[in-house]
Structure formats: C-alpha cells, structure tokens
PDB file of N, CA and C in Angstrom:
ATOM      1  N   MET A   1       3.553   6.545  16.260  1.00  0.00           N
ATOM      2  CA  MET A   1       3.821   6.174  14.890  1.00  0.00           C
ATOM      3  C   MET A   1       3.601   7.396  14.007  1.00  0.00           C
ATOM      4  N   LYS A   2       4.581   7.672  13.172  1.00  0.00           N
ATOM      5  CA  LYS A   2       4.491   8.816  12.266  1.00  0.00           C
ATOM      6  C   LYS A   2       3.649   8.465  11.049  1.00  0.00           C
ATOM      7  N   LEU A   3       3.001   9.466  10.532  1.00  0.00           N
ATOM      8  CA  LEU A   3       2.181   9.300   9.339  1.00  0.00           C
ATOM      9  C   LEU A   3       3.085   9.331   8.111  1.00  0.00           C
ATOM     10  N   THR A   4       2.996   8.277   7.296  1.00  0.00           N
ATOM     11  CA  THR A   4       3.799   8.178   6.086  1.00  0.00           C
ATOM     12  C   THR A   4       2.891   7.798   4.917  1.00  0.00           C
ATOM     13  N   PRO A   5       3.365   7.985   3.683  1.00  0.00           N
ATOM     14  CA  PRO A   5       2.536   7.636   2.525  1.00  0.00           C
ATOM     15  C   PRO A   5       2.108   6.163   2.496  1.00  0.00           C
ATOM     16  N   LEU A   6       2.977   5.250   2.920  1.00  0.00           N
ATOM     17  CA  LEU A   6       2.583   3.845   2.931  1.00  0.00           C
ATOM     18  C   LEU A   6       1.497   3.572   3.970  1.00  0.00           C
ATOM     19  N   ASN A   7       1.526   4.283   5.095  1.00  0.00           N
ATOM     20  CA  ASN A   7       0.456   4.147   6.082  1.00  0.00           C
ATOM     21  C   ASN A   7      -0.866   4.676   5.530  1.00  0.00           C
ATOM     22  N   ILE A   8      -0.800   5.789   4.809  1.00  0.00           N
ATOM     23  CA  ILE A   8      -2.004   6.356   4.204  1.00  0.00           C
ATOM     24  C   ILE A   8      -2.551   5.411   3.141  1.00  0.00           C
ATOM     25  N   THR A   9      -1.666   4.834   2.320  1.00  0.00           N
ATOM     26  CA  THR A   9      -2.077   3.874   1.299  1.00  0.00           C
ATOM     27  C   THR A   9      -2.724   2.656   1.936  1.00  0.00           C
ATOM     28  N   LEU A  10      -2.138   2.156   2.992  1.00  0.00           N
ATOM     29  CA  LEU A  10      -2.684   1.006   3.697  1.00  0.00           C
ATOM     30  C   LEU A  10      -4.070   1.313   4.269  1.00  0.00           C
ATOM     31  N   ALA A  11      -4.237   2.483   4.841  1.00  0.00           N
ATOM     32  CA  ALA A  11      -5.541   2.867   5.381  1.00  0.00           C
ATOM     33  C   ALA A  11      -6.587   2.974   4.277  1.00  0.00           C
ATOM     34  N   CYS A  12      -6.204   3.546   3.131  1.00  0.00           N
ATOM     35  CA  CYS A  12      -7.146   3.664   2.008  1.00  0.00           C
ATOM     36  C   CYS A  12      -7.550   2.298   1.478  1.00  0.00           C
ATOM     37  N   ILE A  13      -6.603   1.374   1.382  1.00  0.00           N
ATOM     38  CA  ILE A  13      -6.921   0.020   0.913  1.00  0.00           C
ATOM     39  C   ILE A  13      -7.863  -0.674   1.884  1.00  0.00           C
ATOM     40  N   LEU A  14      -7.600  -0.535   3.178  1.00  0.00           N
ATOM     41  CA  LEU A  14      -8.480  -1.164   4.172  1.00  0.00           C
ATOM     42  C   LEU A  14      -9.893  -0.598   4.115  1.00  0.00           C
ATOM     43  N   VAL A  15     -10.028   0.712   3.990  1.00  0.00           N
ATOM     44  CA  VAL A  15     -11.352   1.326   3.903  1.00  0.00           C
ATOM     45  C   VAL A  15     -12.065   0.863   2.643  1.00  0.00           C
ATOM     46  N   TRP A  16     -11.348   0.774   1.534  1.00  0.00           N
ATOM     47  CA  TRP A  16     -11.922   0.333   0.268  1.00  0.00           C
ATOM     48  C   TRP A  16     -12.413  -1.104   0.359  1.00  0.00           C
ATOM     49  N   VAL A  17     -11.601  -1.996   0.907  1.00  0.00           N
ATOM     50  CA  VAL A  17     -11.984  -3.404   1.011  1.00  0.00           C
ATOM     51  C   VAL A  17     -13.149  -3.568   1.976  1.00  0.00           C
ATOM     52  N   ILE A  18     -13.116  -2.891   3.108  1.00  0.00           N
ATOM     53  CA  ILE A  18     -14.200  -3.007   4.091  1.00  0.00           C
ATOM     54  C   ILE A  18     -15.498  -2.435   3.532  1.00  0.00           C
ATOM     55  N   SER A  19     -15.421  -1.342   2.756  1.00  0.00           N
ATOM     56  CA  SER A  19     -16.642  -0.749   2.207  1.00  0.00           C
ATOM     57  C   SER A  19     -17.289  -1.646   1.158  1.00  0.00           C
ATOM     58  N   GLU A  20     -16.505  -2.466   0.478  1.00  0.00           N
ATOM     59  CA  GLU A  20     -17.052  -3.359  -0.545  1.00  0.00           C
ATOM     60  C   GLU A  20     -17.260  -4.779  -0.021  1.00  0.00           C
ATOM     61  N   TRP A  21     -17.124  -4.981   1.270  1.00  0.00           N
ATOM     62  CA  TRP A  21     -17.196  -6.308   1.863  1.00  0.00           C
ATOM     63  C   TRP A  21     -18.560  -6.974   1.662  1.00  0.00           C
ATOM     64  N   ASN A  22     -19.626  -6.240   1.823  1.00  0.00           N
ATOM     65  CA  ASN A  22     -20.967  -6.816   1.735  1.00  0.00           C
ATOM     66  C   ASN A  22     -21.600  -6.673   0.355  1.00  0.00           C
ATOM     67  N   GLN A  23     -20.846  -6.231  -0.628  1.00  0.00           N
ATOM     68  CA  GLN A  23     -21.358  -6.075  -1.983  1.00  0.00           C
ATOM     69  C   GLN A  23     -21.529  -7.447  -2.641  1.00  0.00           C
ATOM     70  N   GLU A  24     -22.495  -7.545  -3.509  1.00  0.00           N
ATOM     71  CA  GLU A  24     -22.693  -8.776  -4.273  1.00  0.00           C
ATOM     72  C   GLU A  24     -21.634  -8.860  -5.371  1.00  0.00           C
ATOM     73  N   GLY A  25     -21.252 -10.064  -5.751  1.00  0.00           N
ATOM     74  CA  GLY A  25     -20.289 -10.241  -6.828  1.00  0.00           C
ATOM     75  C   GLY A  25     -18.933 -10.661  -6.289  1.00  0.00           C
ATOM     76  N   ASP A  26     -17.946 -10.572  -7.161  1.00  0.00           N
ATOM     77  CA  ASP A  26     -16.598 -10.992  -6.805  1.00  0.00           C
ATOM     78  C   ASP A  26     -15.934  -9.983  -5.879  1.00  0.00           C
ATOM     79  N   ARG A  27     -15.187 -10.521  -4.919  1.00  0.00           N
ATOM     80  CA  ARG A  27     -14.403  -9.661  -4.044  1.00  0.00           C
ATOM     81  C   ARG A  27     -13.080  -9.330  -4.712  1.00  0.00           C
ATOM     82  N   ILE A  28     -12.545  -8.198  -4.352  1.00  0.00           N
ATOM     83  CA  ILE A  28     -11.277  -7.770  -4.919  1.00  0.00           C
ATOM     84  C   ILE A  28     -10.138  -8.550  -4.284  1.00  0.00           C
ATOM     85  N   PHE A  29     -10.175  -8.722  -2.974  1.00  0.00           N
ATOM     86  CA  PHE A  29      -9.159  -9.465  -2.243  1.00  0.00           C
ATOM     87  C   PHE A  29      -9.831 -10.552  -1.422  1.00  0.00           C
ATOM     88  N   SER A  30      -9.142 -11.662  -1.262  1.00  0.00           N
ATOM     89  CA  SER A  30      -9.581 -12.634  -0.267  1.00  0.00           C
ATOM     90  C   SER A  30      -8.944 -12.217   1.062  1.00  0.00           C
ATOM     91  N   ILE A  31      -9.381 -12.810   2.130  1.00  0.00           N
ATOM     92  CA  ILE A  31      -8.837 -12.471   3.454  1.00  0.00           C
ATOM     93  C   ILE A  31      -7.334 -12.761   3.506  1.00  0.00           C
ATOM     94  N   GLY A  32      -6.944 -13.891   2.946  1.00  0.00           N
ATOM     95  CA  GLY A  32      -5.530 -14.266   2.969  1.00  0.00           C
ATOM     96  C   GLY A  32      -4.651 -13.268   2.244  1.00  0.00           C
ATOM     97  N   TRP A  33      -5.058 -12.857   1.031  1.00  0.00           N
ATOM     98  CA  TRP A  33      -4.271 -11.880   0.272  1.00  0.00           C
ATOM     99  C   TRP A  33      -4.271 -10.514   0.938  1.00  0.00           C
ATOM    100  N   LEU A  34      -5.355 -10.173   1.603  1.00  0.00           N
ATOM    101  CA  LEU A  34      -5.404  -8.896   2.315  1.00  0.00           C
ATOM    102  C   LEU A  34      -4.404  -8.897   3.472  1.00  0.00           C
ATOM    103  N   ILE A  35      -4.314  -9.996   4.187  1.00  0.00           N
ATOM    104  CA  ILE A  35      -3.347 -10.104   5.291  1.00  0.00           C
ATOM    105  C   ILE A  35      -1.921 -10.048   4.760  1.00  0.00           C
ATOM    106  N   VAL A  36      -1.668 -10.734   3.636  1.00  0.00           N
ATOM    107  CA  VAL A  36      -0.335 -10.681   3.022  1.00  0.00           C
ATOM    108  C   VAL A  36       0.000  -9.244   2.629  1.00  0.00           C
ATOM    109  N   LEU A  37      -0.955  -8.536   2.023  1.00  0.00           N
ATOM    110  CA  LEU A  37      -0.729  -7.144   1.634  1.00  0.00           C
ATOM    111  C   LEU A  37      -0.443  -6.269   2.852  1.00  0.00           C
ATOM    112  N   LEU A  38      -1.175  -6.466   3.926  1.00  0.00           N
ATOM    113  CA  LEU A  38      -0.952  -5.692   5.150  1.00  0.00           C
ATOM    114  C   LEU A  38       0.455  -5.923   5.699  1.00  0.00           C
ATOM    115  N   VAL A  39       0.879  -7.167   5.734  1.00  0.00           N
ATOM    116  CA  VAL A  39       2.206  -7.498   6.266  1.00  0.00           C
ATOM    117  C   VAL A  39       3.298  -6.925   5.362  1.00  0.00           C
ATOM    118  N   VAL A  40       3.152  -7.071   4.049  1.00  0.00           N
ATOM    119  CA  VAL A  40       4.162  -6.562   3.120  1.00  0.00           C
ATOM    120  C   VAL A  40       4.274  -5.044   3.219  1.00  0.00           C
ATOM    121  N   LEU A  41       3.150  -4.342   3.233  1.00  0.00           N
ATOM    122  CA  LEU A  41       3.209  -2.878   3.340  1.00  0.00           C
ATOM    123  C   LEU A  41       3.781  -2.443   4.684  1.00  0.00           C
ATOM    124  N   GLY A  42       3.460  -3.164   5.746  1.00  0.00           N
ATOM    125  CA  GLY A  42       4.028  -2.849   7.057  1.00  0.00           C
ATOM    126  C   GLY A  42       5.533  -3.044   7.090  1.00  0.00           C
ATOM    127  N   LEU A  43       6.003  -4.152   6.512  1.00  0.00           N
ATOM    128  CA  LEU A  43       7.445  -4.401   6.469  1.00  0.00           C
ATOM    129  C   LEU A  43       8.168  -3.402   5.568  1.00  0.00           C
ATOM    130  N   LEU A  44       7.554  -3.046   4.449  1.00  0.00           N
ATOM    131  CA  LEU A  44       8.146  -2.031   3.578  1.00  0.00           C
ATOM    132  C   LEU A  44       8.259  -0.689   4.285  1.00  0.00           C
ATOM    133  N   ASP A  45       7.234  -0.335   5.042  1.00  0.00           N
ATOM    134  CA  ASP A  45       7.266   0.925   5.782  1.00  0.00           C
ATOM    135  C   ASP A  45       8.401   0.905   6.803  1.00  0.00           C
ATOM    136  N   LEU A  46       8.545  -0.203   7.514  1.00  0.00           N
ATOM    137  CA  LEU A  46       9.641  -0.304   8.480  1.00  0.00           C
ATOM    138  C   LEU A  46      10.995  -0.257   7.796  1.00  0.00           C
ATOM    139  N   GLY A  47      11.123  -0.914   6.651  1.00  0.00           N
ATOM    140  CA  GLY A  47      12.378  -0.883   5.907  1.00  0.00           C
ATOM    141  C   GLY A  47      12.736   0.518   5.446  1.00  0.00           C
ATOM    142  N   PHE A  48      11.754   1.234   4.920  1.00  0.00           N
ATOM    143  CA  PHE A  48      12.007   2.616   4.502  1.00  0.00           C
ATOM    144  C   PHE A  48      12.391   3.484   5.698  1.00  0.00           C
ATOM    145  N   ARG A  49      11.774   3.245   6.848  1.00  0.00           N
ATOM    146  CA  ARG A  49      12.113   4.045   8.036  1.00  0.00           C
ATOM    147  C   ARG A  49      13.537   3.773   8.505  1.00  0.00           C
ATOM    148  N   LEU A  50      14.002   2.528   8.348  1.00  0.00           N
ATOM    149  CA  LEU A  50      15.373   2.212   8.746  1.00  0.00           C
ATOM    150  C   LEU A  50      16.394   2.793   7.776  1.00  0.00           C
ATOM    151  N   ILE A  51      16.049   2.851   6.499  1.00  0.00           N
ATOM    152  CA  ILE A  51      16.977   3.356   5.490  1.00  0.00           C
ATOM    153  C   ILE A  51      17.029   4.881   5.516  1.00  0.00           C
ATOM    154  N   PHE A  52      15.877   5.526   5.584  1.00  0.00           N
ATOM    155  CA  PHE A  52      15.812   6.989   5.529  1.00  0.00           C
ATOM    156  C   PHE A  52      15.465   7.534   6.909  1.00  0.00           C
ATOM    157  N   LYS A  53      16.423   8.179   7.528  1.00  0.00           N
ATOM    158  CA  LYS A  53      16.206   8.741   8.876  1.00  0.00           C
ATOM    159  C   LYS A  53      15.479  10.086   8.822  1.00  0.00           C
ATOM    160  N   ASP A  54      15.717  10.843   7.751  1.00  0.00           N
ATOM    161  CA  ASP A  54      15.080  12.140   7.593  1.00  0.00           C
ATOM    162  C   ASP A  54      13.648  11.942   7.083  1.00  0.00           C
ATOM    163  N   VAL A  55      12.693  12.602   7.731  1.00  0.00           N
ATOM    164  CA  VAL A  55      11.281  12.422   7.384  1.00  0.00           C
ATOM    165  C   VAL A  55      10.995  12.919   5.966  1.00  0.00           C
ATOM    166  N   LYS A  56      11.633  13.996   5.547  1.00  0.00           N
ATOM    167  CA  LYS A  56      11.410  14.532   4.204  1.00  0.00           C
ATOM    168  C   LYS A  56      11.856  13.524   3.147  1.00  0.00           C
ATOM    169  N   ASN A  57      13.029  12.937   3.318  1.00  0.00           N
ATOM    170  CA  ASN A  57      13.513  11.927   2.377  1.00  0.00           C
ATOM    171  C   ASN A  57      12.644  10.673   2.427  1.00  0.00           C
ATOM    172  N   LEU A  58      12.152  10.331   3.599  1.00  0.00           N
ATOM    173  CA  LEU A  58      11.268   9.175   3.751  1.00  0.00           C
ATOM    174  C   LEU A  58       9.992   9.372   2.940  1.00  0.00           C
ATOM    175  N   TRP A  59       9.411  10.555   3.025  1.00  0.00           N
ATOM    176  CA  TRP A  59       8.191  10.853   2.259  1.00  0.00           C
ATOM    177  C   TRP A  59       8.450  10.793   0.765  1.00  0.00           C
ATOM    178  N   PHE A  60       9.555  11.395   0.316  1.00  0.00           N
ATOM    179  CA  PHE A  60       9.880  11.359  -1.119  1.00  0.00           C
ATOM    180  C   PHE A  60      10.091   9.928  -1.603  1.00  0.00           C
ATOM    181  N   ALA A  61      10.806   9.129  -0.825  1.00  0.00           N
ATOM    182  CA  ALA A  61      11.083   7.747  -1.222  1.00  0.00           C
ATOM    183  C   ALA A  61       9.800   6.929  -1.280  1.00  0.00           C
ATOM    184  N   GLN A  62       8.938   7.077  -0.285  1.00  0.00           N
ATOM    185  CA  GLN A  62       7.709   6.295  -0.262  1.00  0.00           C
ATOM    186  C   GLN A  62       6.729   6.744  -1.342  1.00  0.00           C
ATOM    187  N   ILE A  63       6.635   8.027  -1.600  1.00  0.00           N
ATOM    188  CA  ILE A  63       5.763   8.498  -2.688  1.00  0.00           C
ATOM    189  C   ILE A  63       6.297   8.005  -4.022  1.00  0.00           C
ATOM    190  N   GLY A  64       7.607   8.045  -4.208  1.00  0.00           N
ATOM    191  CA  GLY A  64       8.209   7.519  -5.420  1.00  0.00           C
ATOM    192  C   GLY A  64       7.942   6.034  -5.577  1.00  0.00           C
ATOM    193  N   PHE A  65       8.045   5.285  -4.495  1.00  0.00           N
ATOM    194  CA  PHE A  65       7.769   3.848  -4.530  1.00  0.00           C
ATOM    195  C   PHE A  65       6.319   3.576  -4.925  1.00  0.00           C
ATOM    196  N   ILE A  66       5.400   4.305  -4.343  1.00  0.00           N
ATOM    197  CA  ILE A  66       3.974   4.120  -4.648  1.00  0.00           C
ATOM    198  C   ILE A  66       3.698   4.466  -6.114  1.00  0.00           C
ATOM    199  N   LEU A  67       4.295   5.534  -6.616  1.00  0.00           N
ATOM    200  CA  LEU A  67       4.103   5.911  -8.020  1.00  0.00           C
ATOM    201  C   LEU A  67       4.663   4.857  -8.969  1.00  0.00           C
ATOM    202  N   VAL A  68       5.864   4.342  -8.673  1.00  0.00           N
ATOM    203  CA  VAL A  68       6.464   3.321  -9.529  1.00  0.00           C
ATOM    204  C   VAL A  68       5.612   2.052  -9.539  1.00  0.00           C
ATOM    205  N   VAL A  69       5.163   1.619  -8.370  1.00  0.00           N
ATOM    206  CA  VAL A  69       4.320   0.426  -8.294  1.00  0.00           C
ATOM    207  C   VAL A  69       3.001   0.656  -9.028  1.00  0.00           C
ATOM    208  N   GLY A  70       2.417   1.825  -8.890  1.00  0.00           N
ATOM    209  CA  GLY A  70       1.171   2.144  -9.586  1.00  0.00           C
ATOM    210  C   GLY A  70       1.336   2.143 -11.094  1.00  0.00           C
ATOM    211  N   ILE A  71       2.404   2.762 -11.574  1.00  0.00           N
ATOM    212  CA  ILE A  71       2.654   2.805 -13.015  1.00  0.00           C
ATOM    213  C   ILE A  71       2.922   1.403 -13.556  1.00  0.00           C
ATOM    214  N   LEU A  72       3.726   0.615 -12.844  1.00  0.00           N
ATOM    215  CA  LEU A  72       3.985  -0.762 -13.278  1.00  0.00           C
ATOM    216  C   LEU A  72       2.714  -1.599 -13.284  1.00  0.00           C
ATOM    217  N   SER A  73       1.861  -1.391 -12.310  1.00  0.00           N
ATOM    218  CA  SER A  73       0.588  -2.140 -12.267  1.00  0.00           C
ATOM    219  C   SER A  73      -0.292  -1.807 -13.464  1.00  0.00           C
ATOM    220  N   VAL A  74      -0.361  -0.537 -13.819  1.00  0.00           N
ATOM    221  CA  VAL A  74      -1.147  -0.136 -14.978  1.00  0.00           C
ATOM    222  C   VAL A  74      -0.548  -0.693 -16.260  1.00  0.00           C
ATOM    223  N   LEU A  75       0.759  -0.636 -16.397  1.00  0.00           N
ATOM    224  CA  LEU A  75       1.408  -1.170 -17.590  1.00  0.00           C
ATOM    225  C   LEU A  75       1.207  -2.677 -17.716  1.00  0.00           C
ATOM    226  N   ILE A  76       1.299  -3.398 -16.623  1.00  0.00           N
ATOM    227  CA  ILE A  76       1.081  -4.847 -16.643  1.00  0.00           C
ATOM    228  C   ILE A  76      -0.357  -5.153 -16.999  1.00  0.00           C
ATOM    229  N   LYS A  77      -1.287  -4.375 -16.472  1.00  0.00           N
ATOM    230  CA  LYS A  77      -2.710  -4.577 -16.773  1.00  0.00           C
ATOM    231  C   LYS A  77      -3.015  -4.337 -18.243  1.00  0.00           C
ATOM    232  N   LEU A  78      -2.337  -3.376 -18.867  1.00  0.00           N
ATOM    233  CA  LEU A  78      -2.577  -3.060 -20.268  1.00  0.00           C
ATOM    234  C   LEU A  78      -2.010  -4.097 -21.224  1.00  0.00           C
ATOM    235  N   MET A  79      -1.007  -4.835 -20.807  1.00  0.00           N
ATOM    236  CA  MET A  79      -0.373  -5.818 -21.689  1.00  0.00           C
ATOM    237  C   MET A  79      -1.136  -7.092 -21.784  1.00  0.00           C
TER     238      MET A  79
END
C-alpha cells in the first residue's frame, strides 16, 4: 500500500482518538462514528487511486481535498 495524504490523515486521527481515549470528559468521536470515518476515508482513498493513476497527481488531489474539507469545516464552525 502506497503512502498517501488520506492515509496519513487517517493515521493522525486514529492516534489522536486513541491518545484521548482514557481522558475524563466528553469524547470527540463515538466508536460508531469513528468506524464510519475510517470506512469513508478508506473508500475516498480508493476512489482517488482509481481516478488518478499518477502518484504526483494523486498527492495533489488528496492534499487539495483535505484542504477544502478543512476550510469548509472551519467556516461551518464559525457560522
């Protein structure tokens, strides 16, 4: 399996959730939503791999996707 930005993002999310698992207070994700997120990111990664055969274009597309989703999330949070 090749290393892609969505794989790196998925690994960072898993490390973040696992590191805060035993903390007191509200959890960021429930188990169900975490599984849904894992499946969605995995399917998105496969979709991007099928669309973009060149690794360079794949990286640009996935980084662009992550940036757009991040910016939209911040804008939605601010409203």
